[in-house]
Amino acid sequence: MTPSSGYLDPPTLVLLLGGLGIAVVTLVAGLNGRPPGRVTLGLTWLLQAGVVAYCATYAGRQLAGAAPVGPSWELWAYLVTILLLPALALVWAGQEPTRWSTFVLAVAAFVVAVMGARTAQIWYGIGMVP
């Protein structure tokens, strides 16, 4: 691993690849004109469970005495945001079950994947300006 990819620890890699995979599946469903269904909603619920576990990983690290290299407030701002995104997308999909809600699920999954990777960068200090 190069130093710039050292932040891709197993939890981050799972969230990144899982989120991108779910984004692709939900995007294809939306492009096919499908409203949120069992598969897209189920995958988004799975993503929500993964985000809860991801946030618990960081909480456990900090409770064990470790600290992020970057600002702790920024780390937790990202974590709270990715914790809320799939939940809010699921609420949206429940209130407006159209193909556009399927696109909202896709965007939420993509943003969770990207922000999860950025969270790990904050933890390990990648891309921090001195």
N, C-alpha and C. Protein backbone atom coordinates (compact mmCIF):
# COMPACT_ATOMS: atom_id res chain seq x y z
N MET A 1 0.83 -1.19 0.00
CA MET A 1 0.00 0.00 0.00
C MET A 1 0.87 1.25 0.00
N THR A 2 0.44 2.21 -0.76
CA THR A 2 1.13 3.48 -0.74
C THR A 2 0.60 4.29 0.43
N PRO A 3 1.35 5.25 0.90
CA PRO A 3 0.88 6.03 2.05
C PRO A 3 -0.48 6.69 1.82
N SER A 4 -0.79 7.09 0.60
CA SER A 4 -2.06 7.77 0.36
C SER A 4 -3.24 6.81 0.38
N SER A 5 -3.02 5.52 0.22
CA SER A 5 -4.13 4.56 0.29
C SER A 5 -4.13 3.78 1.60
N GLY A 6 -3.26 4.17 2.52
CA GLY A 6 -3.17 3.48 3.80
C GLY A 6 -4.42 3.62 4.65
N TYR A 7 -5.27 4.57 4.33
CA TYR A 7 -6.49 4.77 5.10
C TYR A 7 -7.57 3.76 4.73
N LEU A 8 -7.38 3.02 3.67
CA LEU A 8 -8.39 2.05 3.24
C LEU A 8 -8.31 0.78 4.07
N ASP A 9 -8.64 0.92 5.36
CA ASP A 9 -8.69 -0.23 6.24
C ASP A 9 -9.94 -1.06 5.89
N PRO A 10 -10.05 -2.28 6.41
CA PRO A 10 -11.19 -3.14 6.02
C PRO A 10 -12.57 -2.51 6.21
N PRO A 11 -12.89 -1.86 7.35
CA PRO A 11 -14.23 -1.27 7.44
C PRO A 11 -14.49 -0.20 6.38
N THR A 12 -13.48 0.60 6.09
CA THR A 12 -13.64 1.65 5.09
C THR A 12 -13.81 1.05 3.70
N LEU A 13 -13.03 0.04 3.40
CA LEU A 13 -13.12 -0.62 2.09
C LEU A 13 -14.49 -1.25 1.90
N VAL A 14 -15.02 -1.89 2.93
CA VAL A 14 -16.35 -2.51 2.83
C VAL A 14 -17.41 -1.43 2.59
N LEU A 15 -17.34 -0.33 3.34
CA LEU A 15 -18.32 0.75 3.16
C LEU A 15 -18.19 1.39 1.78
N LEU A 16 -16.97 1.61 1.33
CA LEU A 16 -16.73 2.23 0.04
C LEU A 16 -17.26 1.36 -1.09
N LEU A 17 -16.85 0.12 -1.14
CA LEU A 17 -17.28 -0.78 -2.21
C LEU A 17 -18.75 -1.13 -2.12
N GLY A 18 -19.24 -1.33 -0.89
CA GLY A 18 -20.65 -1.62 -0.70
C GLY A 18 -21.53 -0.46 -1.13
N GLY A 19 -21.17 0.74 -0.71
CA GLY A 19 -21.93 1.92 -1.08
C GLY A 19 -21.94 2.15 -2.58
N LEU A 20 -20.79 1.98 -3.22
CA LEU A 20 -20.73 2.16 -4.67
C LEU A 20 -21.54 1.09 -5.39
N GLY A 21 -21.47 -0.14 -4.90
CA GLY A 21 -22.26 -1.23 -5.50
C GLY A 21 -23.76 -0.97 -5.37
N ILE A 22 -24.18 -0.55 -4.21
CA ILE A 22 -25.59 -0.25 -3.99
C ILE A 22 -26.01 0.95 -4.84
N ALA A 23 -25.14 1.92 -4.99
CA ALA A 23 -25.44 3.08 -5.83
C ALA A 23 -25.68 2.64 -7.28
N VAL A 24 -24.86 1.73 -7.77
CA VAL A 24 -25.01 1.26 -9.15
C VAL A 24 -26.34 0.52 -9.31
N VAL A 25 -26.65 -0.38 -8.38
CA VAL A 25 -27.90 -1.15 -8.47
C VAL A 25 -29.11 -0.23 -8.44
N THR A 26 -29.13 0.72 -7.52
CA THR A 26 -30.28 1.62 -7.42
C THR A 26 -30.34 2.59 -8.61
N LEU A 27 -29.19 3.00 -9.13
CA LEU A 27 -29.18 3.86 -10.31
C LEU A 27 -29.77 3.13 -11.51
N VAL A 28 -29.36 1.89 -11.71
CA VAL A 28 -29.90 1.10 -12.83
C VAL A 28 -31.41 0.91 -12.67
N ALA A 29 -31.86 0.65 -11.46
CA ALA A 29 -33.30 0.50 -11.22
C ALA A 29 -34.03 1.80 -11.54
N GLY A 30 -33.47 2.93 -11.16
CA GLY A 30 -34.08 4.22 -11.48
C GLY A 30 -34.09 4.50 -12.97
N LEU A 31 -33.00 4.17 -13.65
CA LEU A 31 -32.94 4.37 -15.10
C LEU A 31 -33.95 3.48 -15.82
N ASN A 32 -34.28 2.35 -15.22
CA ASN A 32 -35.30 1.47 -15.79
C ASN A 32 -36.71 1.89 -15.40
N GLY A 33 -36.84 3.01 -14.70
CA GLY A 33 -38.15 3.54 -14.36
C GLY A 33 -38.82 2.86 -13.19
N ARG A 34 -38.06 2.15 -12.40
CA ARG A 34 -38.64 1.41 -11.28
C ARG A 34 -38.73 2.27 -10.02
N PRO A 35 -39.86 2.20 -9.33
CA PRO A 35 -39.94 2.85 -8.02
C PRO A 35 -39.16 2.01 -7.01
N PRO A 36 -38.91 2.53 -5.83
CA PRO A 36 -38.19 1.74 -4.82
C PRO A 36 -38.93 0.43 -4.56
N GLY A 37 -38.19 -0.64 -4.60
CA GLY A 37 -38.78 -1.97 -4.40
C GLY A 37 -38.03 -2.73 -3.33
N ARG A 38 -38.33 -3.99 -3.23
CA ARG A 38 -37.72 -4.81 -2.18
C ARG A 38 -36.20 -4.83 -2.28
N VAL A 39 -35.68 -4.92 -3.48
CA VAL A 39 -34.22 -4.99 -3.65
C VAL A 39 -33.56 -3.66 -3.29
N THR A 40 -34.05 -2.57 -3.87
CA THR A 40 -33.41 -1.27 -3.62
C THR A 40 -33.59 -0.82 -2.17
N LEU A 41 -34.78 -1.03 -1.63
CA LEU A 41 -34.99 -0.68 -0.22
C LEU A 41 -34.19 -1.58 0.70
N GLY A 42 -34.14 -2.87 0.38
CA GLY A 42 -33.38 -3.81 1.20
C GLY A 42 -31.89 -3.49 1.20
N LEU A 43 -31.36 -3.14 0.04
CA LEU A 43 -29.95 -2.77 -0.04
C LEU A 43 -29.67 -1.49 0.74
N THR A 44 -30.60 -0.55 0.70
CA THR A 44 -30.40 0.69 1.44
C THR A 44 -30.47 0.43 2.95
N TRP A 45 -31.36 -0.47 3.37
CA TRP A 45 -31.38 -0.86 4.79
C TRP A 45 -30.06 -1.54 5.17
N LEU A 46 -29.53 -2.36 4.29
CA LEU A 46 -28.23 -3.00 4.54
C LEU A 46 -27.13 -1.95 4.65
N LEU A 47 -27.18 -0.95 3.78
CA LEU A 47 -26.21 0.15 3.87
C LEU A 47 -26.34 0.88 5.20
N GLN A 48 -27.58 1.11 5.63
CA GLN A 48 -27.80 1.78 6.92
C GLN A 48 -27.19 0.96 8.06
N ALA A 49 -27.38 -0.34 8.03
CA ALA A 49 -26.78 -1.19 9.06
C ALA A 49 -25.25 -1.13 9.01
N GLY A 50 -24.70 -1.09 7.80
CA GLY A 50 -23.26 -0.98 7.65
C GLY A 50 -22.72 0.34 8.18
N VAL A 51 -23.47 1.41 7.97
CA VAL A 51 -23.05 2.72 8.46
C VAL A 51 -23.10 2.75 9.99
N VAL A 52 -24.10 2.12 10.58
CA VAL A 52 -24.17 2.05 12.04
C VAL A 52 -22.94 1.32 12.58
N ALA A 53 -22.59 0.20 11.94
CA ALA A 53 -21.41 -0.55 12.37
C ALA A 53 -20.13 0.27 12.15
N TYR A 54 -20.07 1.01 11.06
CA TYR A 54 -18.91 1.85 10.76
C TYR A 54 -18.75 2.93 11.82
N CYS A 55 -19.84 3.58 12.18
CA CYS A 55 -19.78 4.62 13.22
C CYS A 55 -19.41 4.01 14.57
N ALA A 56 -19.91 2.82 14.85
CA ALA A 56 -19.56 2.13 16.10
C ALA A 56 -18.07 1.80 16.14
N THR A 57 -17.49 1.51 14.99
CA THR A 57 -16.05 1.24 14.92
C THR A 57 -15.26 2.46 15.37
N TYR A 58 -15.64 3.63 14.87
CA TYR A 58 -14.93 4.85 15.25
C TYR A 58 -15.20 5.23 16.71
N ALA A 59 -16.42 5.01 17.16
CA ALA A 59 -16.72 5.28 18.58
C ALA A 59 -15.88 4.36 19.46
N GLY A 60 -15.77 3.09 19.07
CA GLY A 60 -14.96 2.14 19.83
C GLY A 60 -13.49 2.53 19.84
N ARG A 61 -12.99 2.99 18.72
CA ARG A 61 -11.59 3.43 18.66
C ARG A 61 -11.35 4.58 19.64
N GLN A 62 -12.26 5.53 19.64
CA GLN A 62 -12.06 6.69 20.52
C GLN A 62 -12.25 6.31 21.99
N LEU A 63 -13.20 5.43 22.26
CA LEU A 63 -13.38 4.99 23.64
C LEU A 63 -12.18 4.19 24.14
N ALA A 64 -11.47 3.54 23.22
CA ALA A 64 -10.28 2.78 23.58
C ALA A 64 -9.06 3.68 23.77
N GLY A 65 -9.23 4.98 23.49
CA GLY A 65 -8.13 5.91 23.73
C GLY A 65 -7.44 6.43 22.49
N ALA A 66 -7.79 5.92 21.32
CA ALA A 66 -7.18 6.41 20.09
C ALA A 66 -7.83 7.74 19.71
N ALA A 67 -7.12 8.53 18.94
CA ALA A 67 -7.65 9.82 18.52
C ALA A 67 -7.35 10.03 17.04
N PRO A 68 -8.23 10.72 16.34
CA PRO A 68 -7.96 10.98 14.92
C PRO A 68 -6.81 11.97 14.76
N VAL A 69 -6.11 11.86 13.65
CA VAL A 69 -5.05 12.82 13.34
C VAL A 69 -5.67 14.16 12.97
N GLY A 70 -6.79 14.11 12.24
CA GLY A 70 -7.51 15.32 11.87
C GLY A 70 -8.41 15.77 13.00
N PRO A 71 -9.17 16.82 12.77
CA PRO A 71 -10.06 17.36 13.81
C PRO A 71 -11.18 16.38 14.16
N SER A 72 -11.37 16.18 15.43
CA SER A 72 -12.40 15.25 15.90
C SER A 72 -13.80 15.75 15.54
N TRP A 73 -14.03 17.05 15.60
CA TRP A 73 -15.35 17.58 15.26
C TRP A 73 -15.69 17.30 13.81
N GLU A 74 -14.68 17.37 12.93
CA GLU A 74 -14.92 17.11 11.51
C GLU A 74 -15.22 15.64 11.27
N LEU A 75 -14.48 14.78 11.96
CA LEU A 75 -14.72 13.34 11.87
C LEU A 75 -16.16 13.02 12.24
N TRP A 76 -16.62 13.55 13.36
CA TRP A 76 -17.97 13.23 13.82
C TRP A 76 -19.04 13.93 13.00
N ALA A 77 -18.73 15.04 12.40
CA ALA A 77 -19.69 15.68 11.49
C ALA A 77 -19.93 14.78 10.27
N TYR A 78 -18.86 14.21 9.75
CA TYR A 78 -19.00 13.26 8.64
C TYR A 78 -19.76 12.01 9.08
N LEU A 79 -19.42 11.47 10.23
CA LEU A 79 -20.07 10.25 10.70
C LEU A 79 -21.57 10.44 10.93
N VAL A 80 -21.93 11.55 11.54
CA VAL A 80 -23.36 11.81 11.78
C VAL A 80 -24.09 11.99 10.45
N THR A 81 -23.45 12.66 9.51
CA THR A 81 -24.07 12.86 8.20
C THR A 81 -24.30 11.54 7.48
N ILE A 82 -23.28 10.67 7.45
CA ILE A 82 -23.49 9.40 6.76
C ILE A 82 -24.44 8.48 7.53
N LEU A 83 -24.58 8.71 8.80
CA LEU A 83 -25.55 7.94 9.58
C LEU A 83 -26.98 8.36 9.21
N LEU A 84 -27.18 9.63 8.92
CA LEU A 84 -28.51 10.13 8.60
C LEU A 84 -28.92 9.95 7.14
N LEU A 85 -27.95 9.94 6.22
CA LEU A 85 -28.28 9.93 4.80
C LEU A 85 -29.15 8.74 4.36
N PRO A 86 -28.76 7.50 4.62
CA PRO A 86 -29.62 6.40 4.17
C PRO A 86 -30.99 6.42 4.85
N ALA A 87 -31.02 6.80 6.11
CA ALA A 87 -32.29 6.84 6.84
C ALA A 87 -33.22 7.87 6.20
N LEU A 88 -32.71 9.04 5.89
CA LEU A 88 -33.53 10.07 5.27
C LEU A 88 -33.95 9.68 3.86
N ALA A 89 -33.07 9.01 3.13
CA ALA A 89 -33.43 8.53 1.79
C ALA A 89 -34.54 7.48 1.87
N LEU A 90 -34.49 6.63 2.89
CA LEU A 90 -35.55 5.63 3.07
C LEU A 90 -36.87 6.29 3.42
N VAL A 91 -36.84 7.33 4.23
CA VAL A 91 -38.07 8.07 4.54
C VAL A 91 -38.63 8.69 3.27
N TRP A 92 -37.76 9.31 2.48
CA TRP A 92 -38.17 9.93 1.23
C TRP A 92 -38.82 8.88 0.33
N ALA A 93 -38.17 7.73 0.19
CA ALA A 93 -38.69 6.67 -0.68
C ALA A 93 -40.03 6.15 -0.18
N GLY A 94 -40.24 6.16 1.12
CA GLY A 94 -41.52 5.72 1.66
C GLY A 94 -42.62 6.73 1.42
N GLN A 95 -42.27 8.01 1.43
CA GLN A 95 -43.25 9.07 1.24
C GLN A 95 -43.59 9.33 -0.23
N GLU A 96 -42.63 9.09 -1.09
CA GLU A 96 -42.82 9.35 -2.52
C GLU A 96 -42.27 8.16 -3.32
N PRO A 97 -43.03 7.10 -3.44
CA PRO A 97 -42.52 5.89 -4.11
C PRO A 97 -42.57 6.00 -5.64
N THR A 98 -41.72 6.86 -6.18
CA THR A 98 -41.61 7.01 -7.63
C THR A 98 -40.18 6.65 -8.04
N ARG A 99 -39.95 6.64 -9.33
CA ARG A 99 -38.60 6.32 -9.81
C ARG A 99 -37.58 7.34 -9.30
N TRP A 100 -38.03 8.57 -9.02
CA TRP A 100 -37.11 9.61 -8.54
C TRP A 100 -36.60 9.27 -7.14
N SER A 101 -37.41 8.61 -6.37
CA SER A 101 -36.96 8.17 -5.05
C SER A 101 -35.86 7.12 -5.17
N THR A 102 -35.93 6.32 -6.22
CA THR A 102 -34.87 5.34 -6.46
C THR A 102 -33.56 6.05 -6.75
N PHE A 103 -33.63 7.17 -7.47
CA PHE A 103 -32.43 7.97 -7.70
C PHE A 103 -31.92 8.59 -6.40
N VAL A 104 -32.82 8.98 -5.52
CA VAL A 104 -32.41 9.51 -4.21
C VAL A 104 -31.66 8.43 -3.43
N LEU A 105 -32.12 7.19 -3.49
CA LEU A 105 -31.41 6.09 -2.83
C LEU A 105 -30.02 5.92 -3.43
N ALA A 106 -29.91 6.07 -4.75
CA ALA A 106 -28.60 5.94 -5.42
C ALA A 106 -27.65 7.04 -4.98
N VAL A 107 -28.14 8.26 -4.94
CA VAL A 107 -27.29 9.39 -4.53
C VAL A 107 -26.85 9.22 -3.08
N ALA A 108 -27.77 8.79 -2.22
CA ALA A 108 -27.42 8.59 -0.81
C ALA A 108 -26.33 7.53 -0.67
N ALA A 109 -26.44 6.44 -1.41
CA ALA A 109 -25.43 5.38 -1.33
C ALA A 109 -24.08 5.87 -1.83
N PHE A 110 -24.08 6.63 -2.92
CA PHE A 110 -22.82 7.16 -3.45
C PHE A 110 -22.17 8.13 -2.45
N VAL A 111 -22.97 9.02 -1.89
CA VAL A 111 -22.44 10.01 -0.95
C VAL A 111 -21.91 9.33 0.31
N VAL A 112 -22.61 8.29 0.79
CA VAL A 112 -22.13 7.55 1.95
C VAL A 112 -20.78 6.92 1.66
N ALA A 113 -20.62 6.34 0.47
CA ALA A 113 -19.34 5.72 0.11
C ALA A 113 -18.21 6.74 0.11
N VAL A 114 -18.44 7.88 -0.52
CA VAL A 114 -17.40 8.91 -0.62
C VAL A 114 -17.09 9.52 0.75
N MET A 115 -18.15 9.84 1.50
CA MET A 115 -17.93 10.46 2.81
C MET A 115 -17.32 9.47 3.81
N GLY A 116 -17.62 8.19 3.65
CA GLY A 116 -16.98 7.18 4.50
C GLY A 116 -15.48 7.13 4.26
N ALA A 117 -15.09 7.20 2.98
CA ALA A 117 -13.66 7.24 2.66
C ALA A 117 -13.01 8.50 3.21
N ARG A 118 -13.71 9.61 3.12
CA ARG A 118 -13.16 10.86 3.65
C ARG A 118 -13.03 10.81 5.17
N THR A 119 -13.97 10.15 5.81
CA THR A 119 -13.90 9.97 7.27
C THR A 119 -12.61 9.26 7.65
N ALA A 120 -12.29 8.22 6.91
CA ALA A 120 -11.05 7.49 7.19
C ALA A 120 -9.83 8.35 6.93
N GLN A 121 -9.90 9.19 5.90
CA GLN A 121 -8.78 10.10 5.65
C GLN A 121 -8.58 11.06 6.81
N ILE A 122 -9.67 11.55 7.37
CA ILE A 122 -9.56 12.43 8.54
C ILE A 122 -8.94 11.69 9.71
N TRP A 123 -9.36 10.44 9.92
CA TRP A 123 -8.84 9.65 11.03
C TRP A 123 -7.32 9.47 10.91
N TYR A 124 -6.87 9.14 9.69
CA TYR A 124 -5.45 8.87 9.50
C TYR A 124 -4.64 10.10 9.10
N GLY A 125 -5.30 11.24 8.90
CA GLY A 125 -4.58 12.47 8.60
C GLY A 125 -4.17 12.61 7.15
N ILE A 126 -4.83 11.90 6.25
CA ILE A 126 -4.50 11.99 4.83
C ILE A 126 -5.14 13.27 4.26
N GLY A 127 -4.36 14.07 3.58
CA GLY A 127 -4.88 15.27 2.95
C GLY A 127 -5.08 16.44 3.88
N MET A 128 -4.53 16.35 5.07
CA MET A 128 -4.66 17.45 6.04
C MET A 128 -3.63 18.53 5.70
N VAL A 129 -4.07 19.77 5.77
CA VAL A 129 -3.17 20.90 5.54
C VAL A 129 -2.52 21.24 6.87
N PRO A 130 -1.17 21.28 6.90
CA PRO A 130 -0.50 21.57 8.18
C PRO A 130 -0.72 22.98 8.68
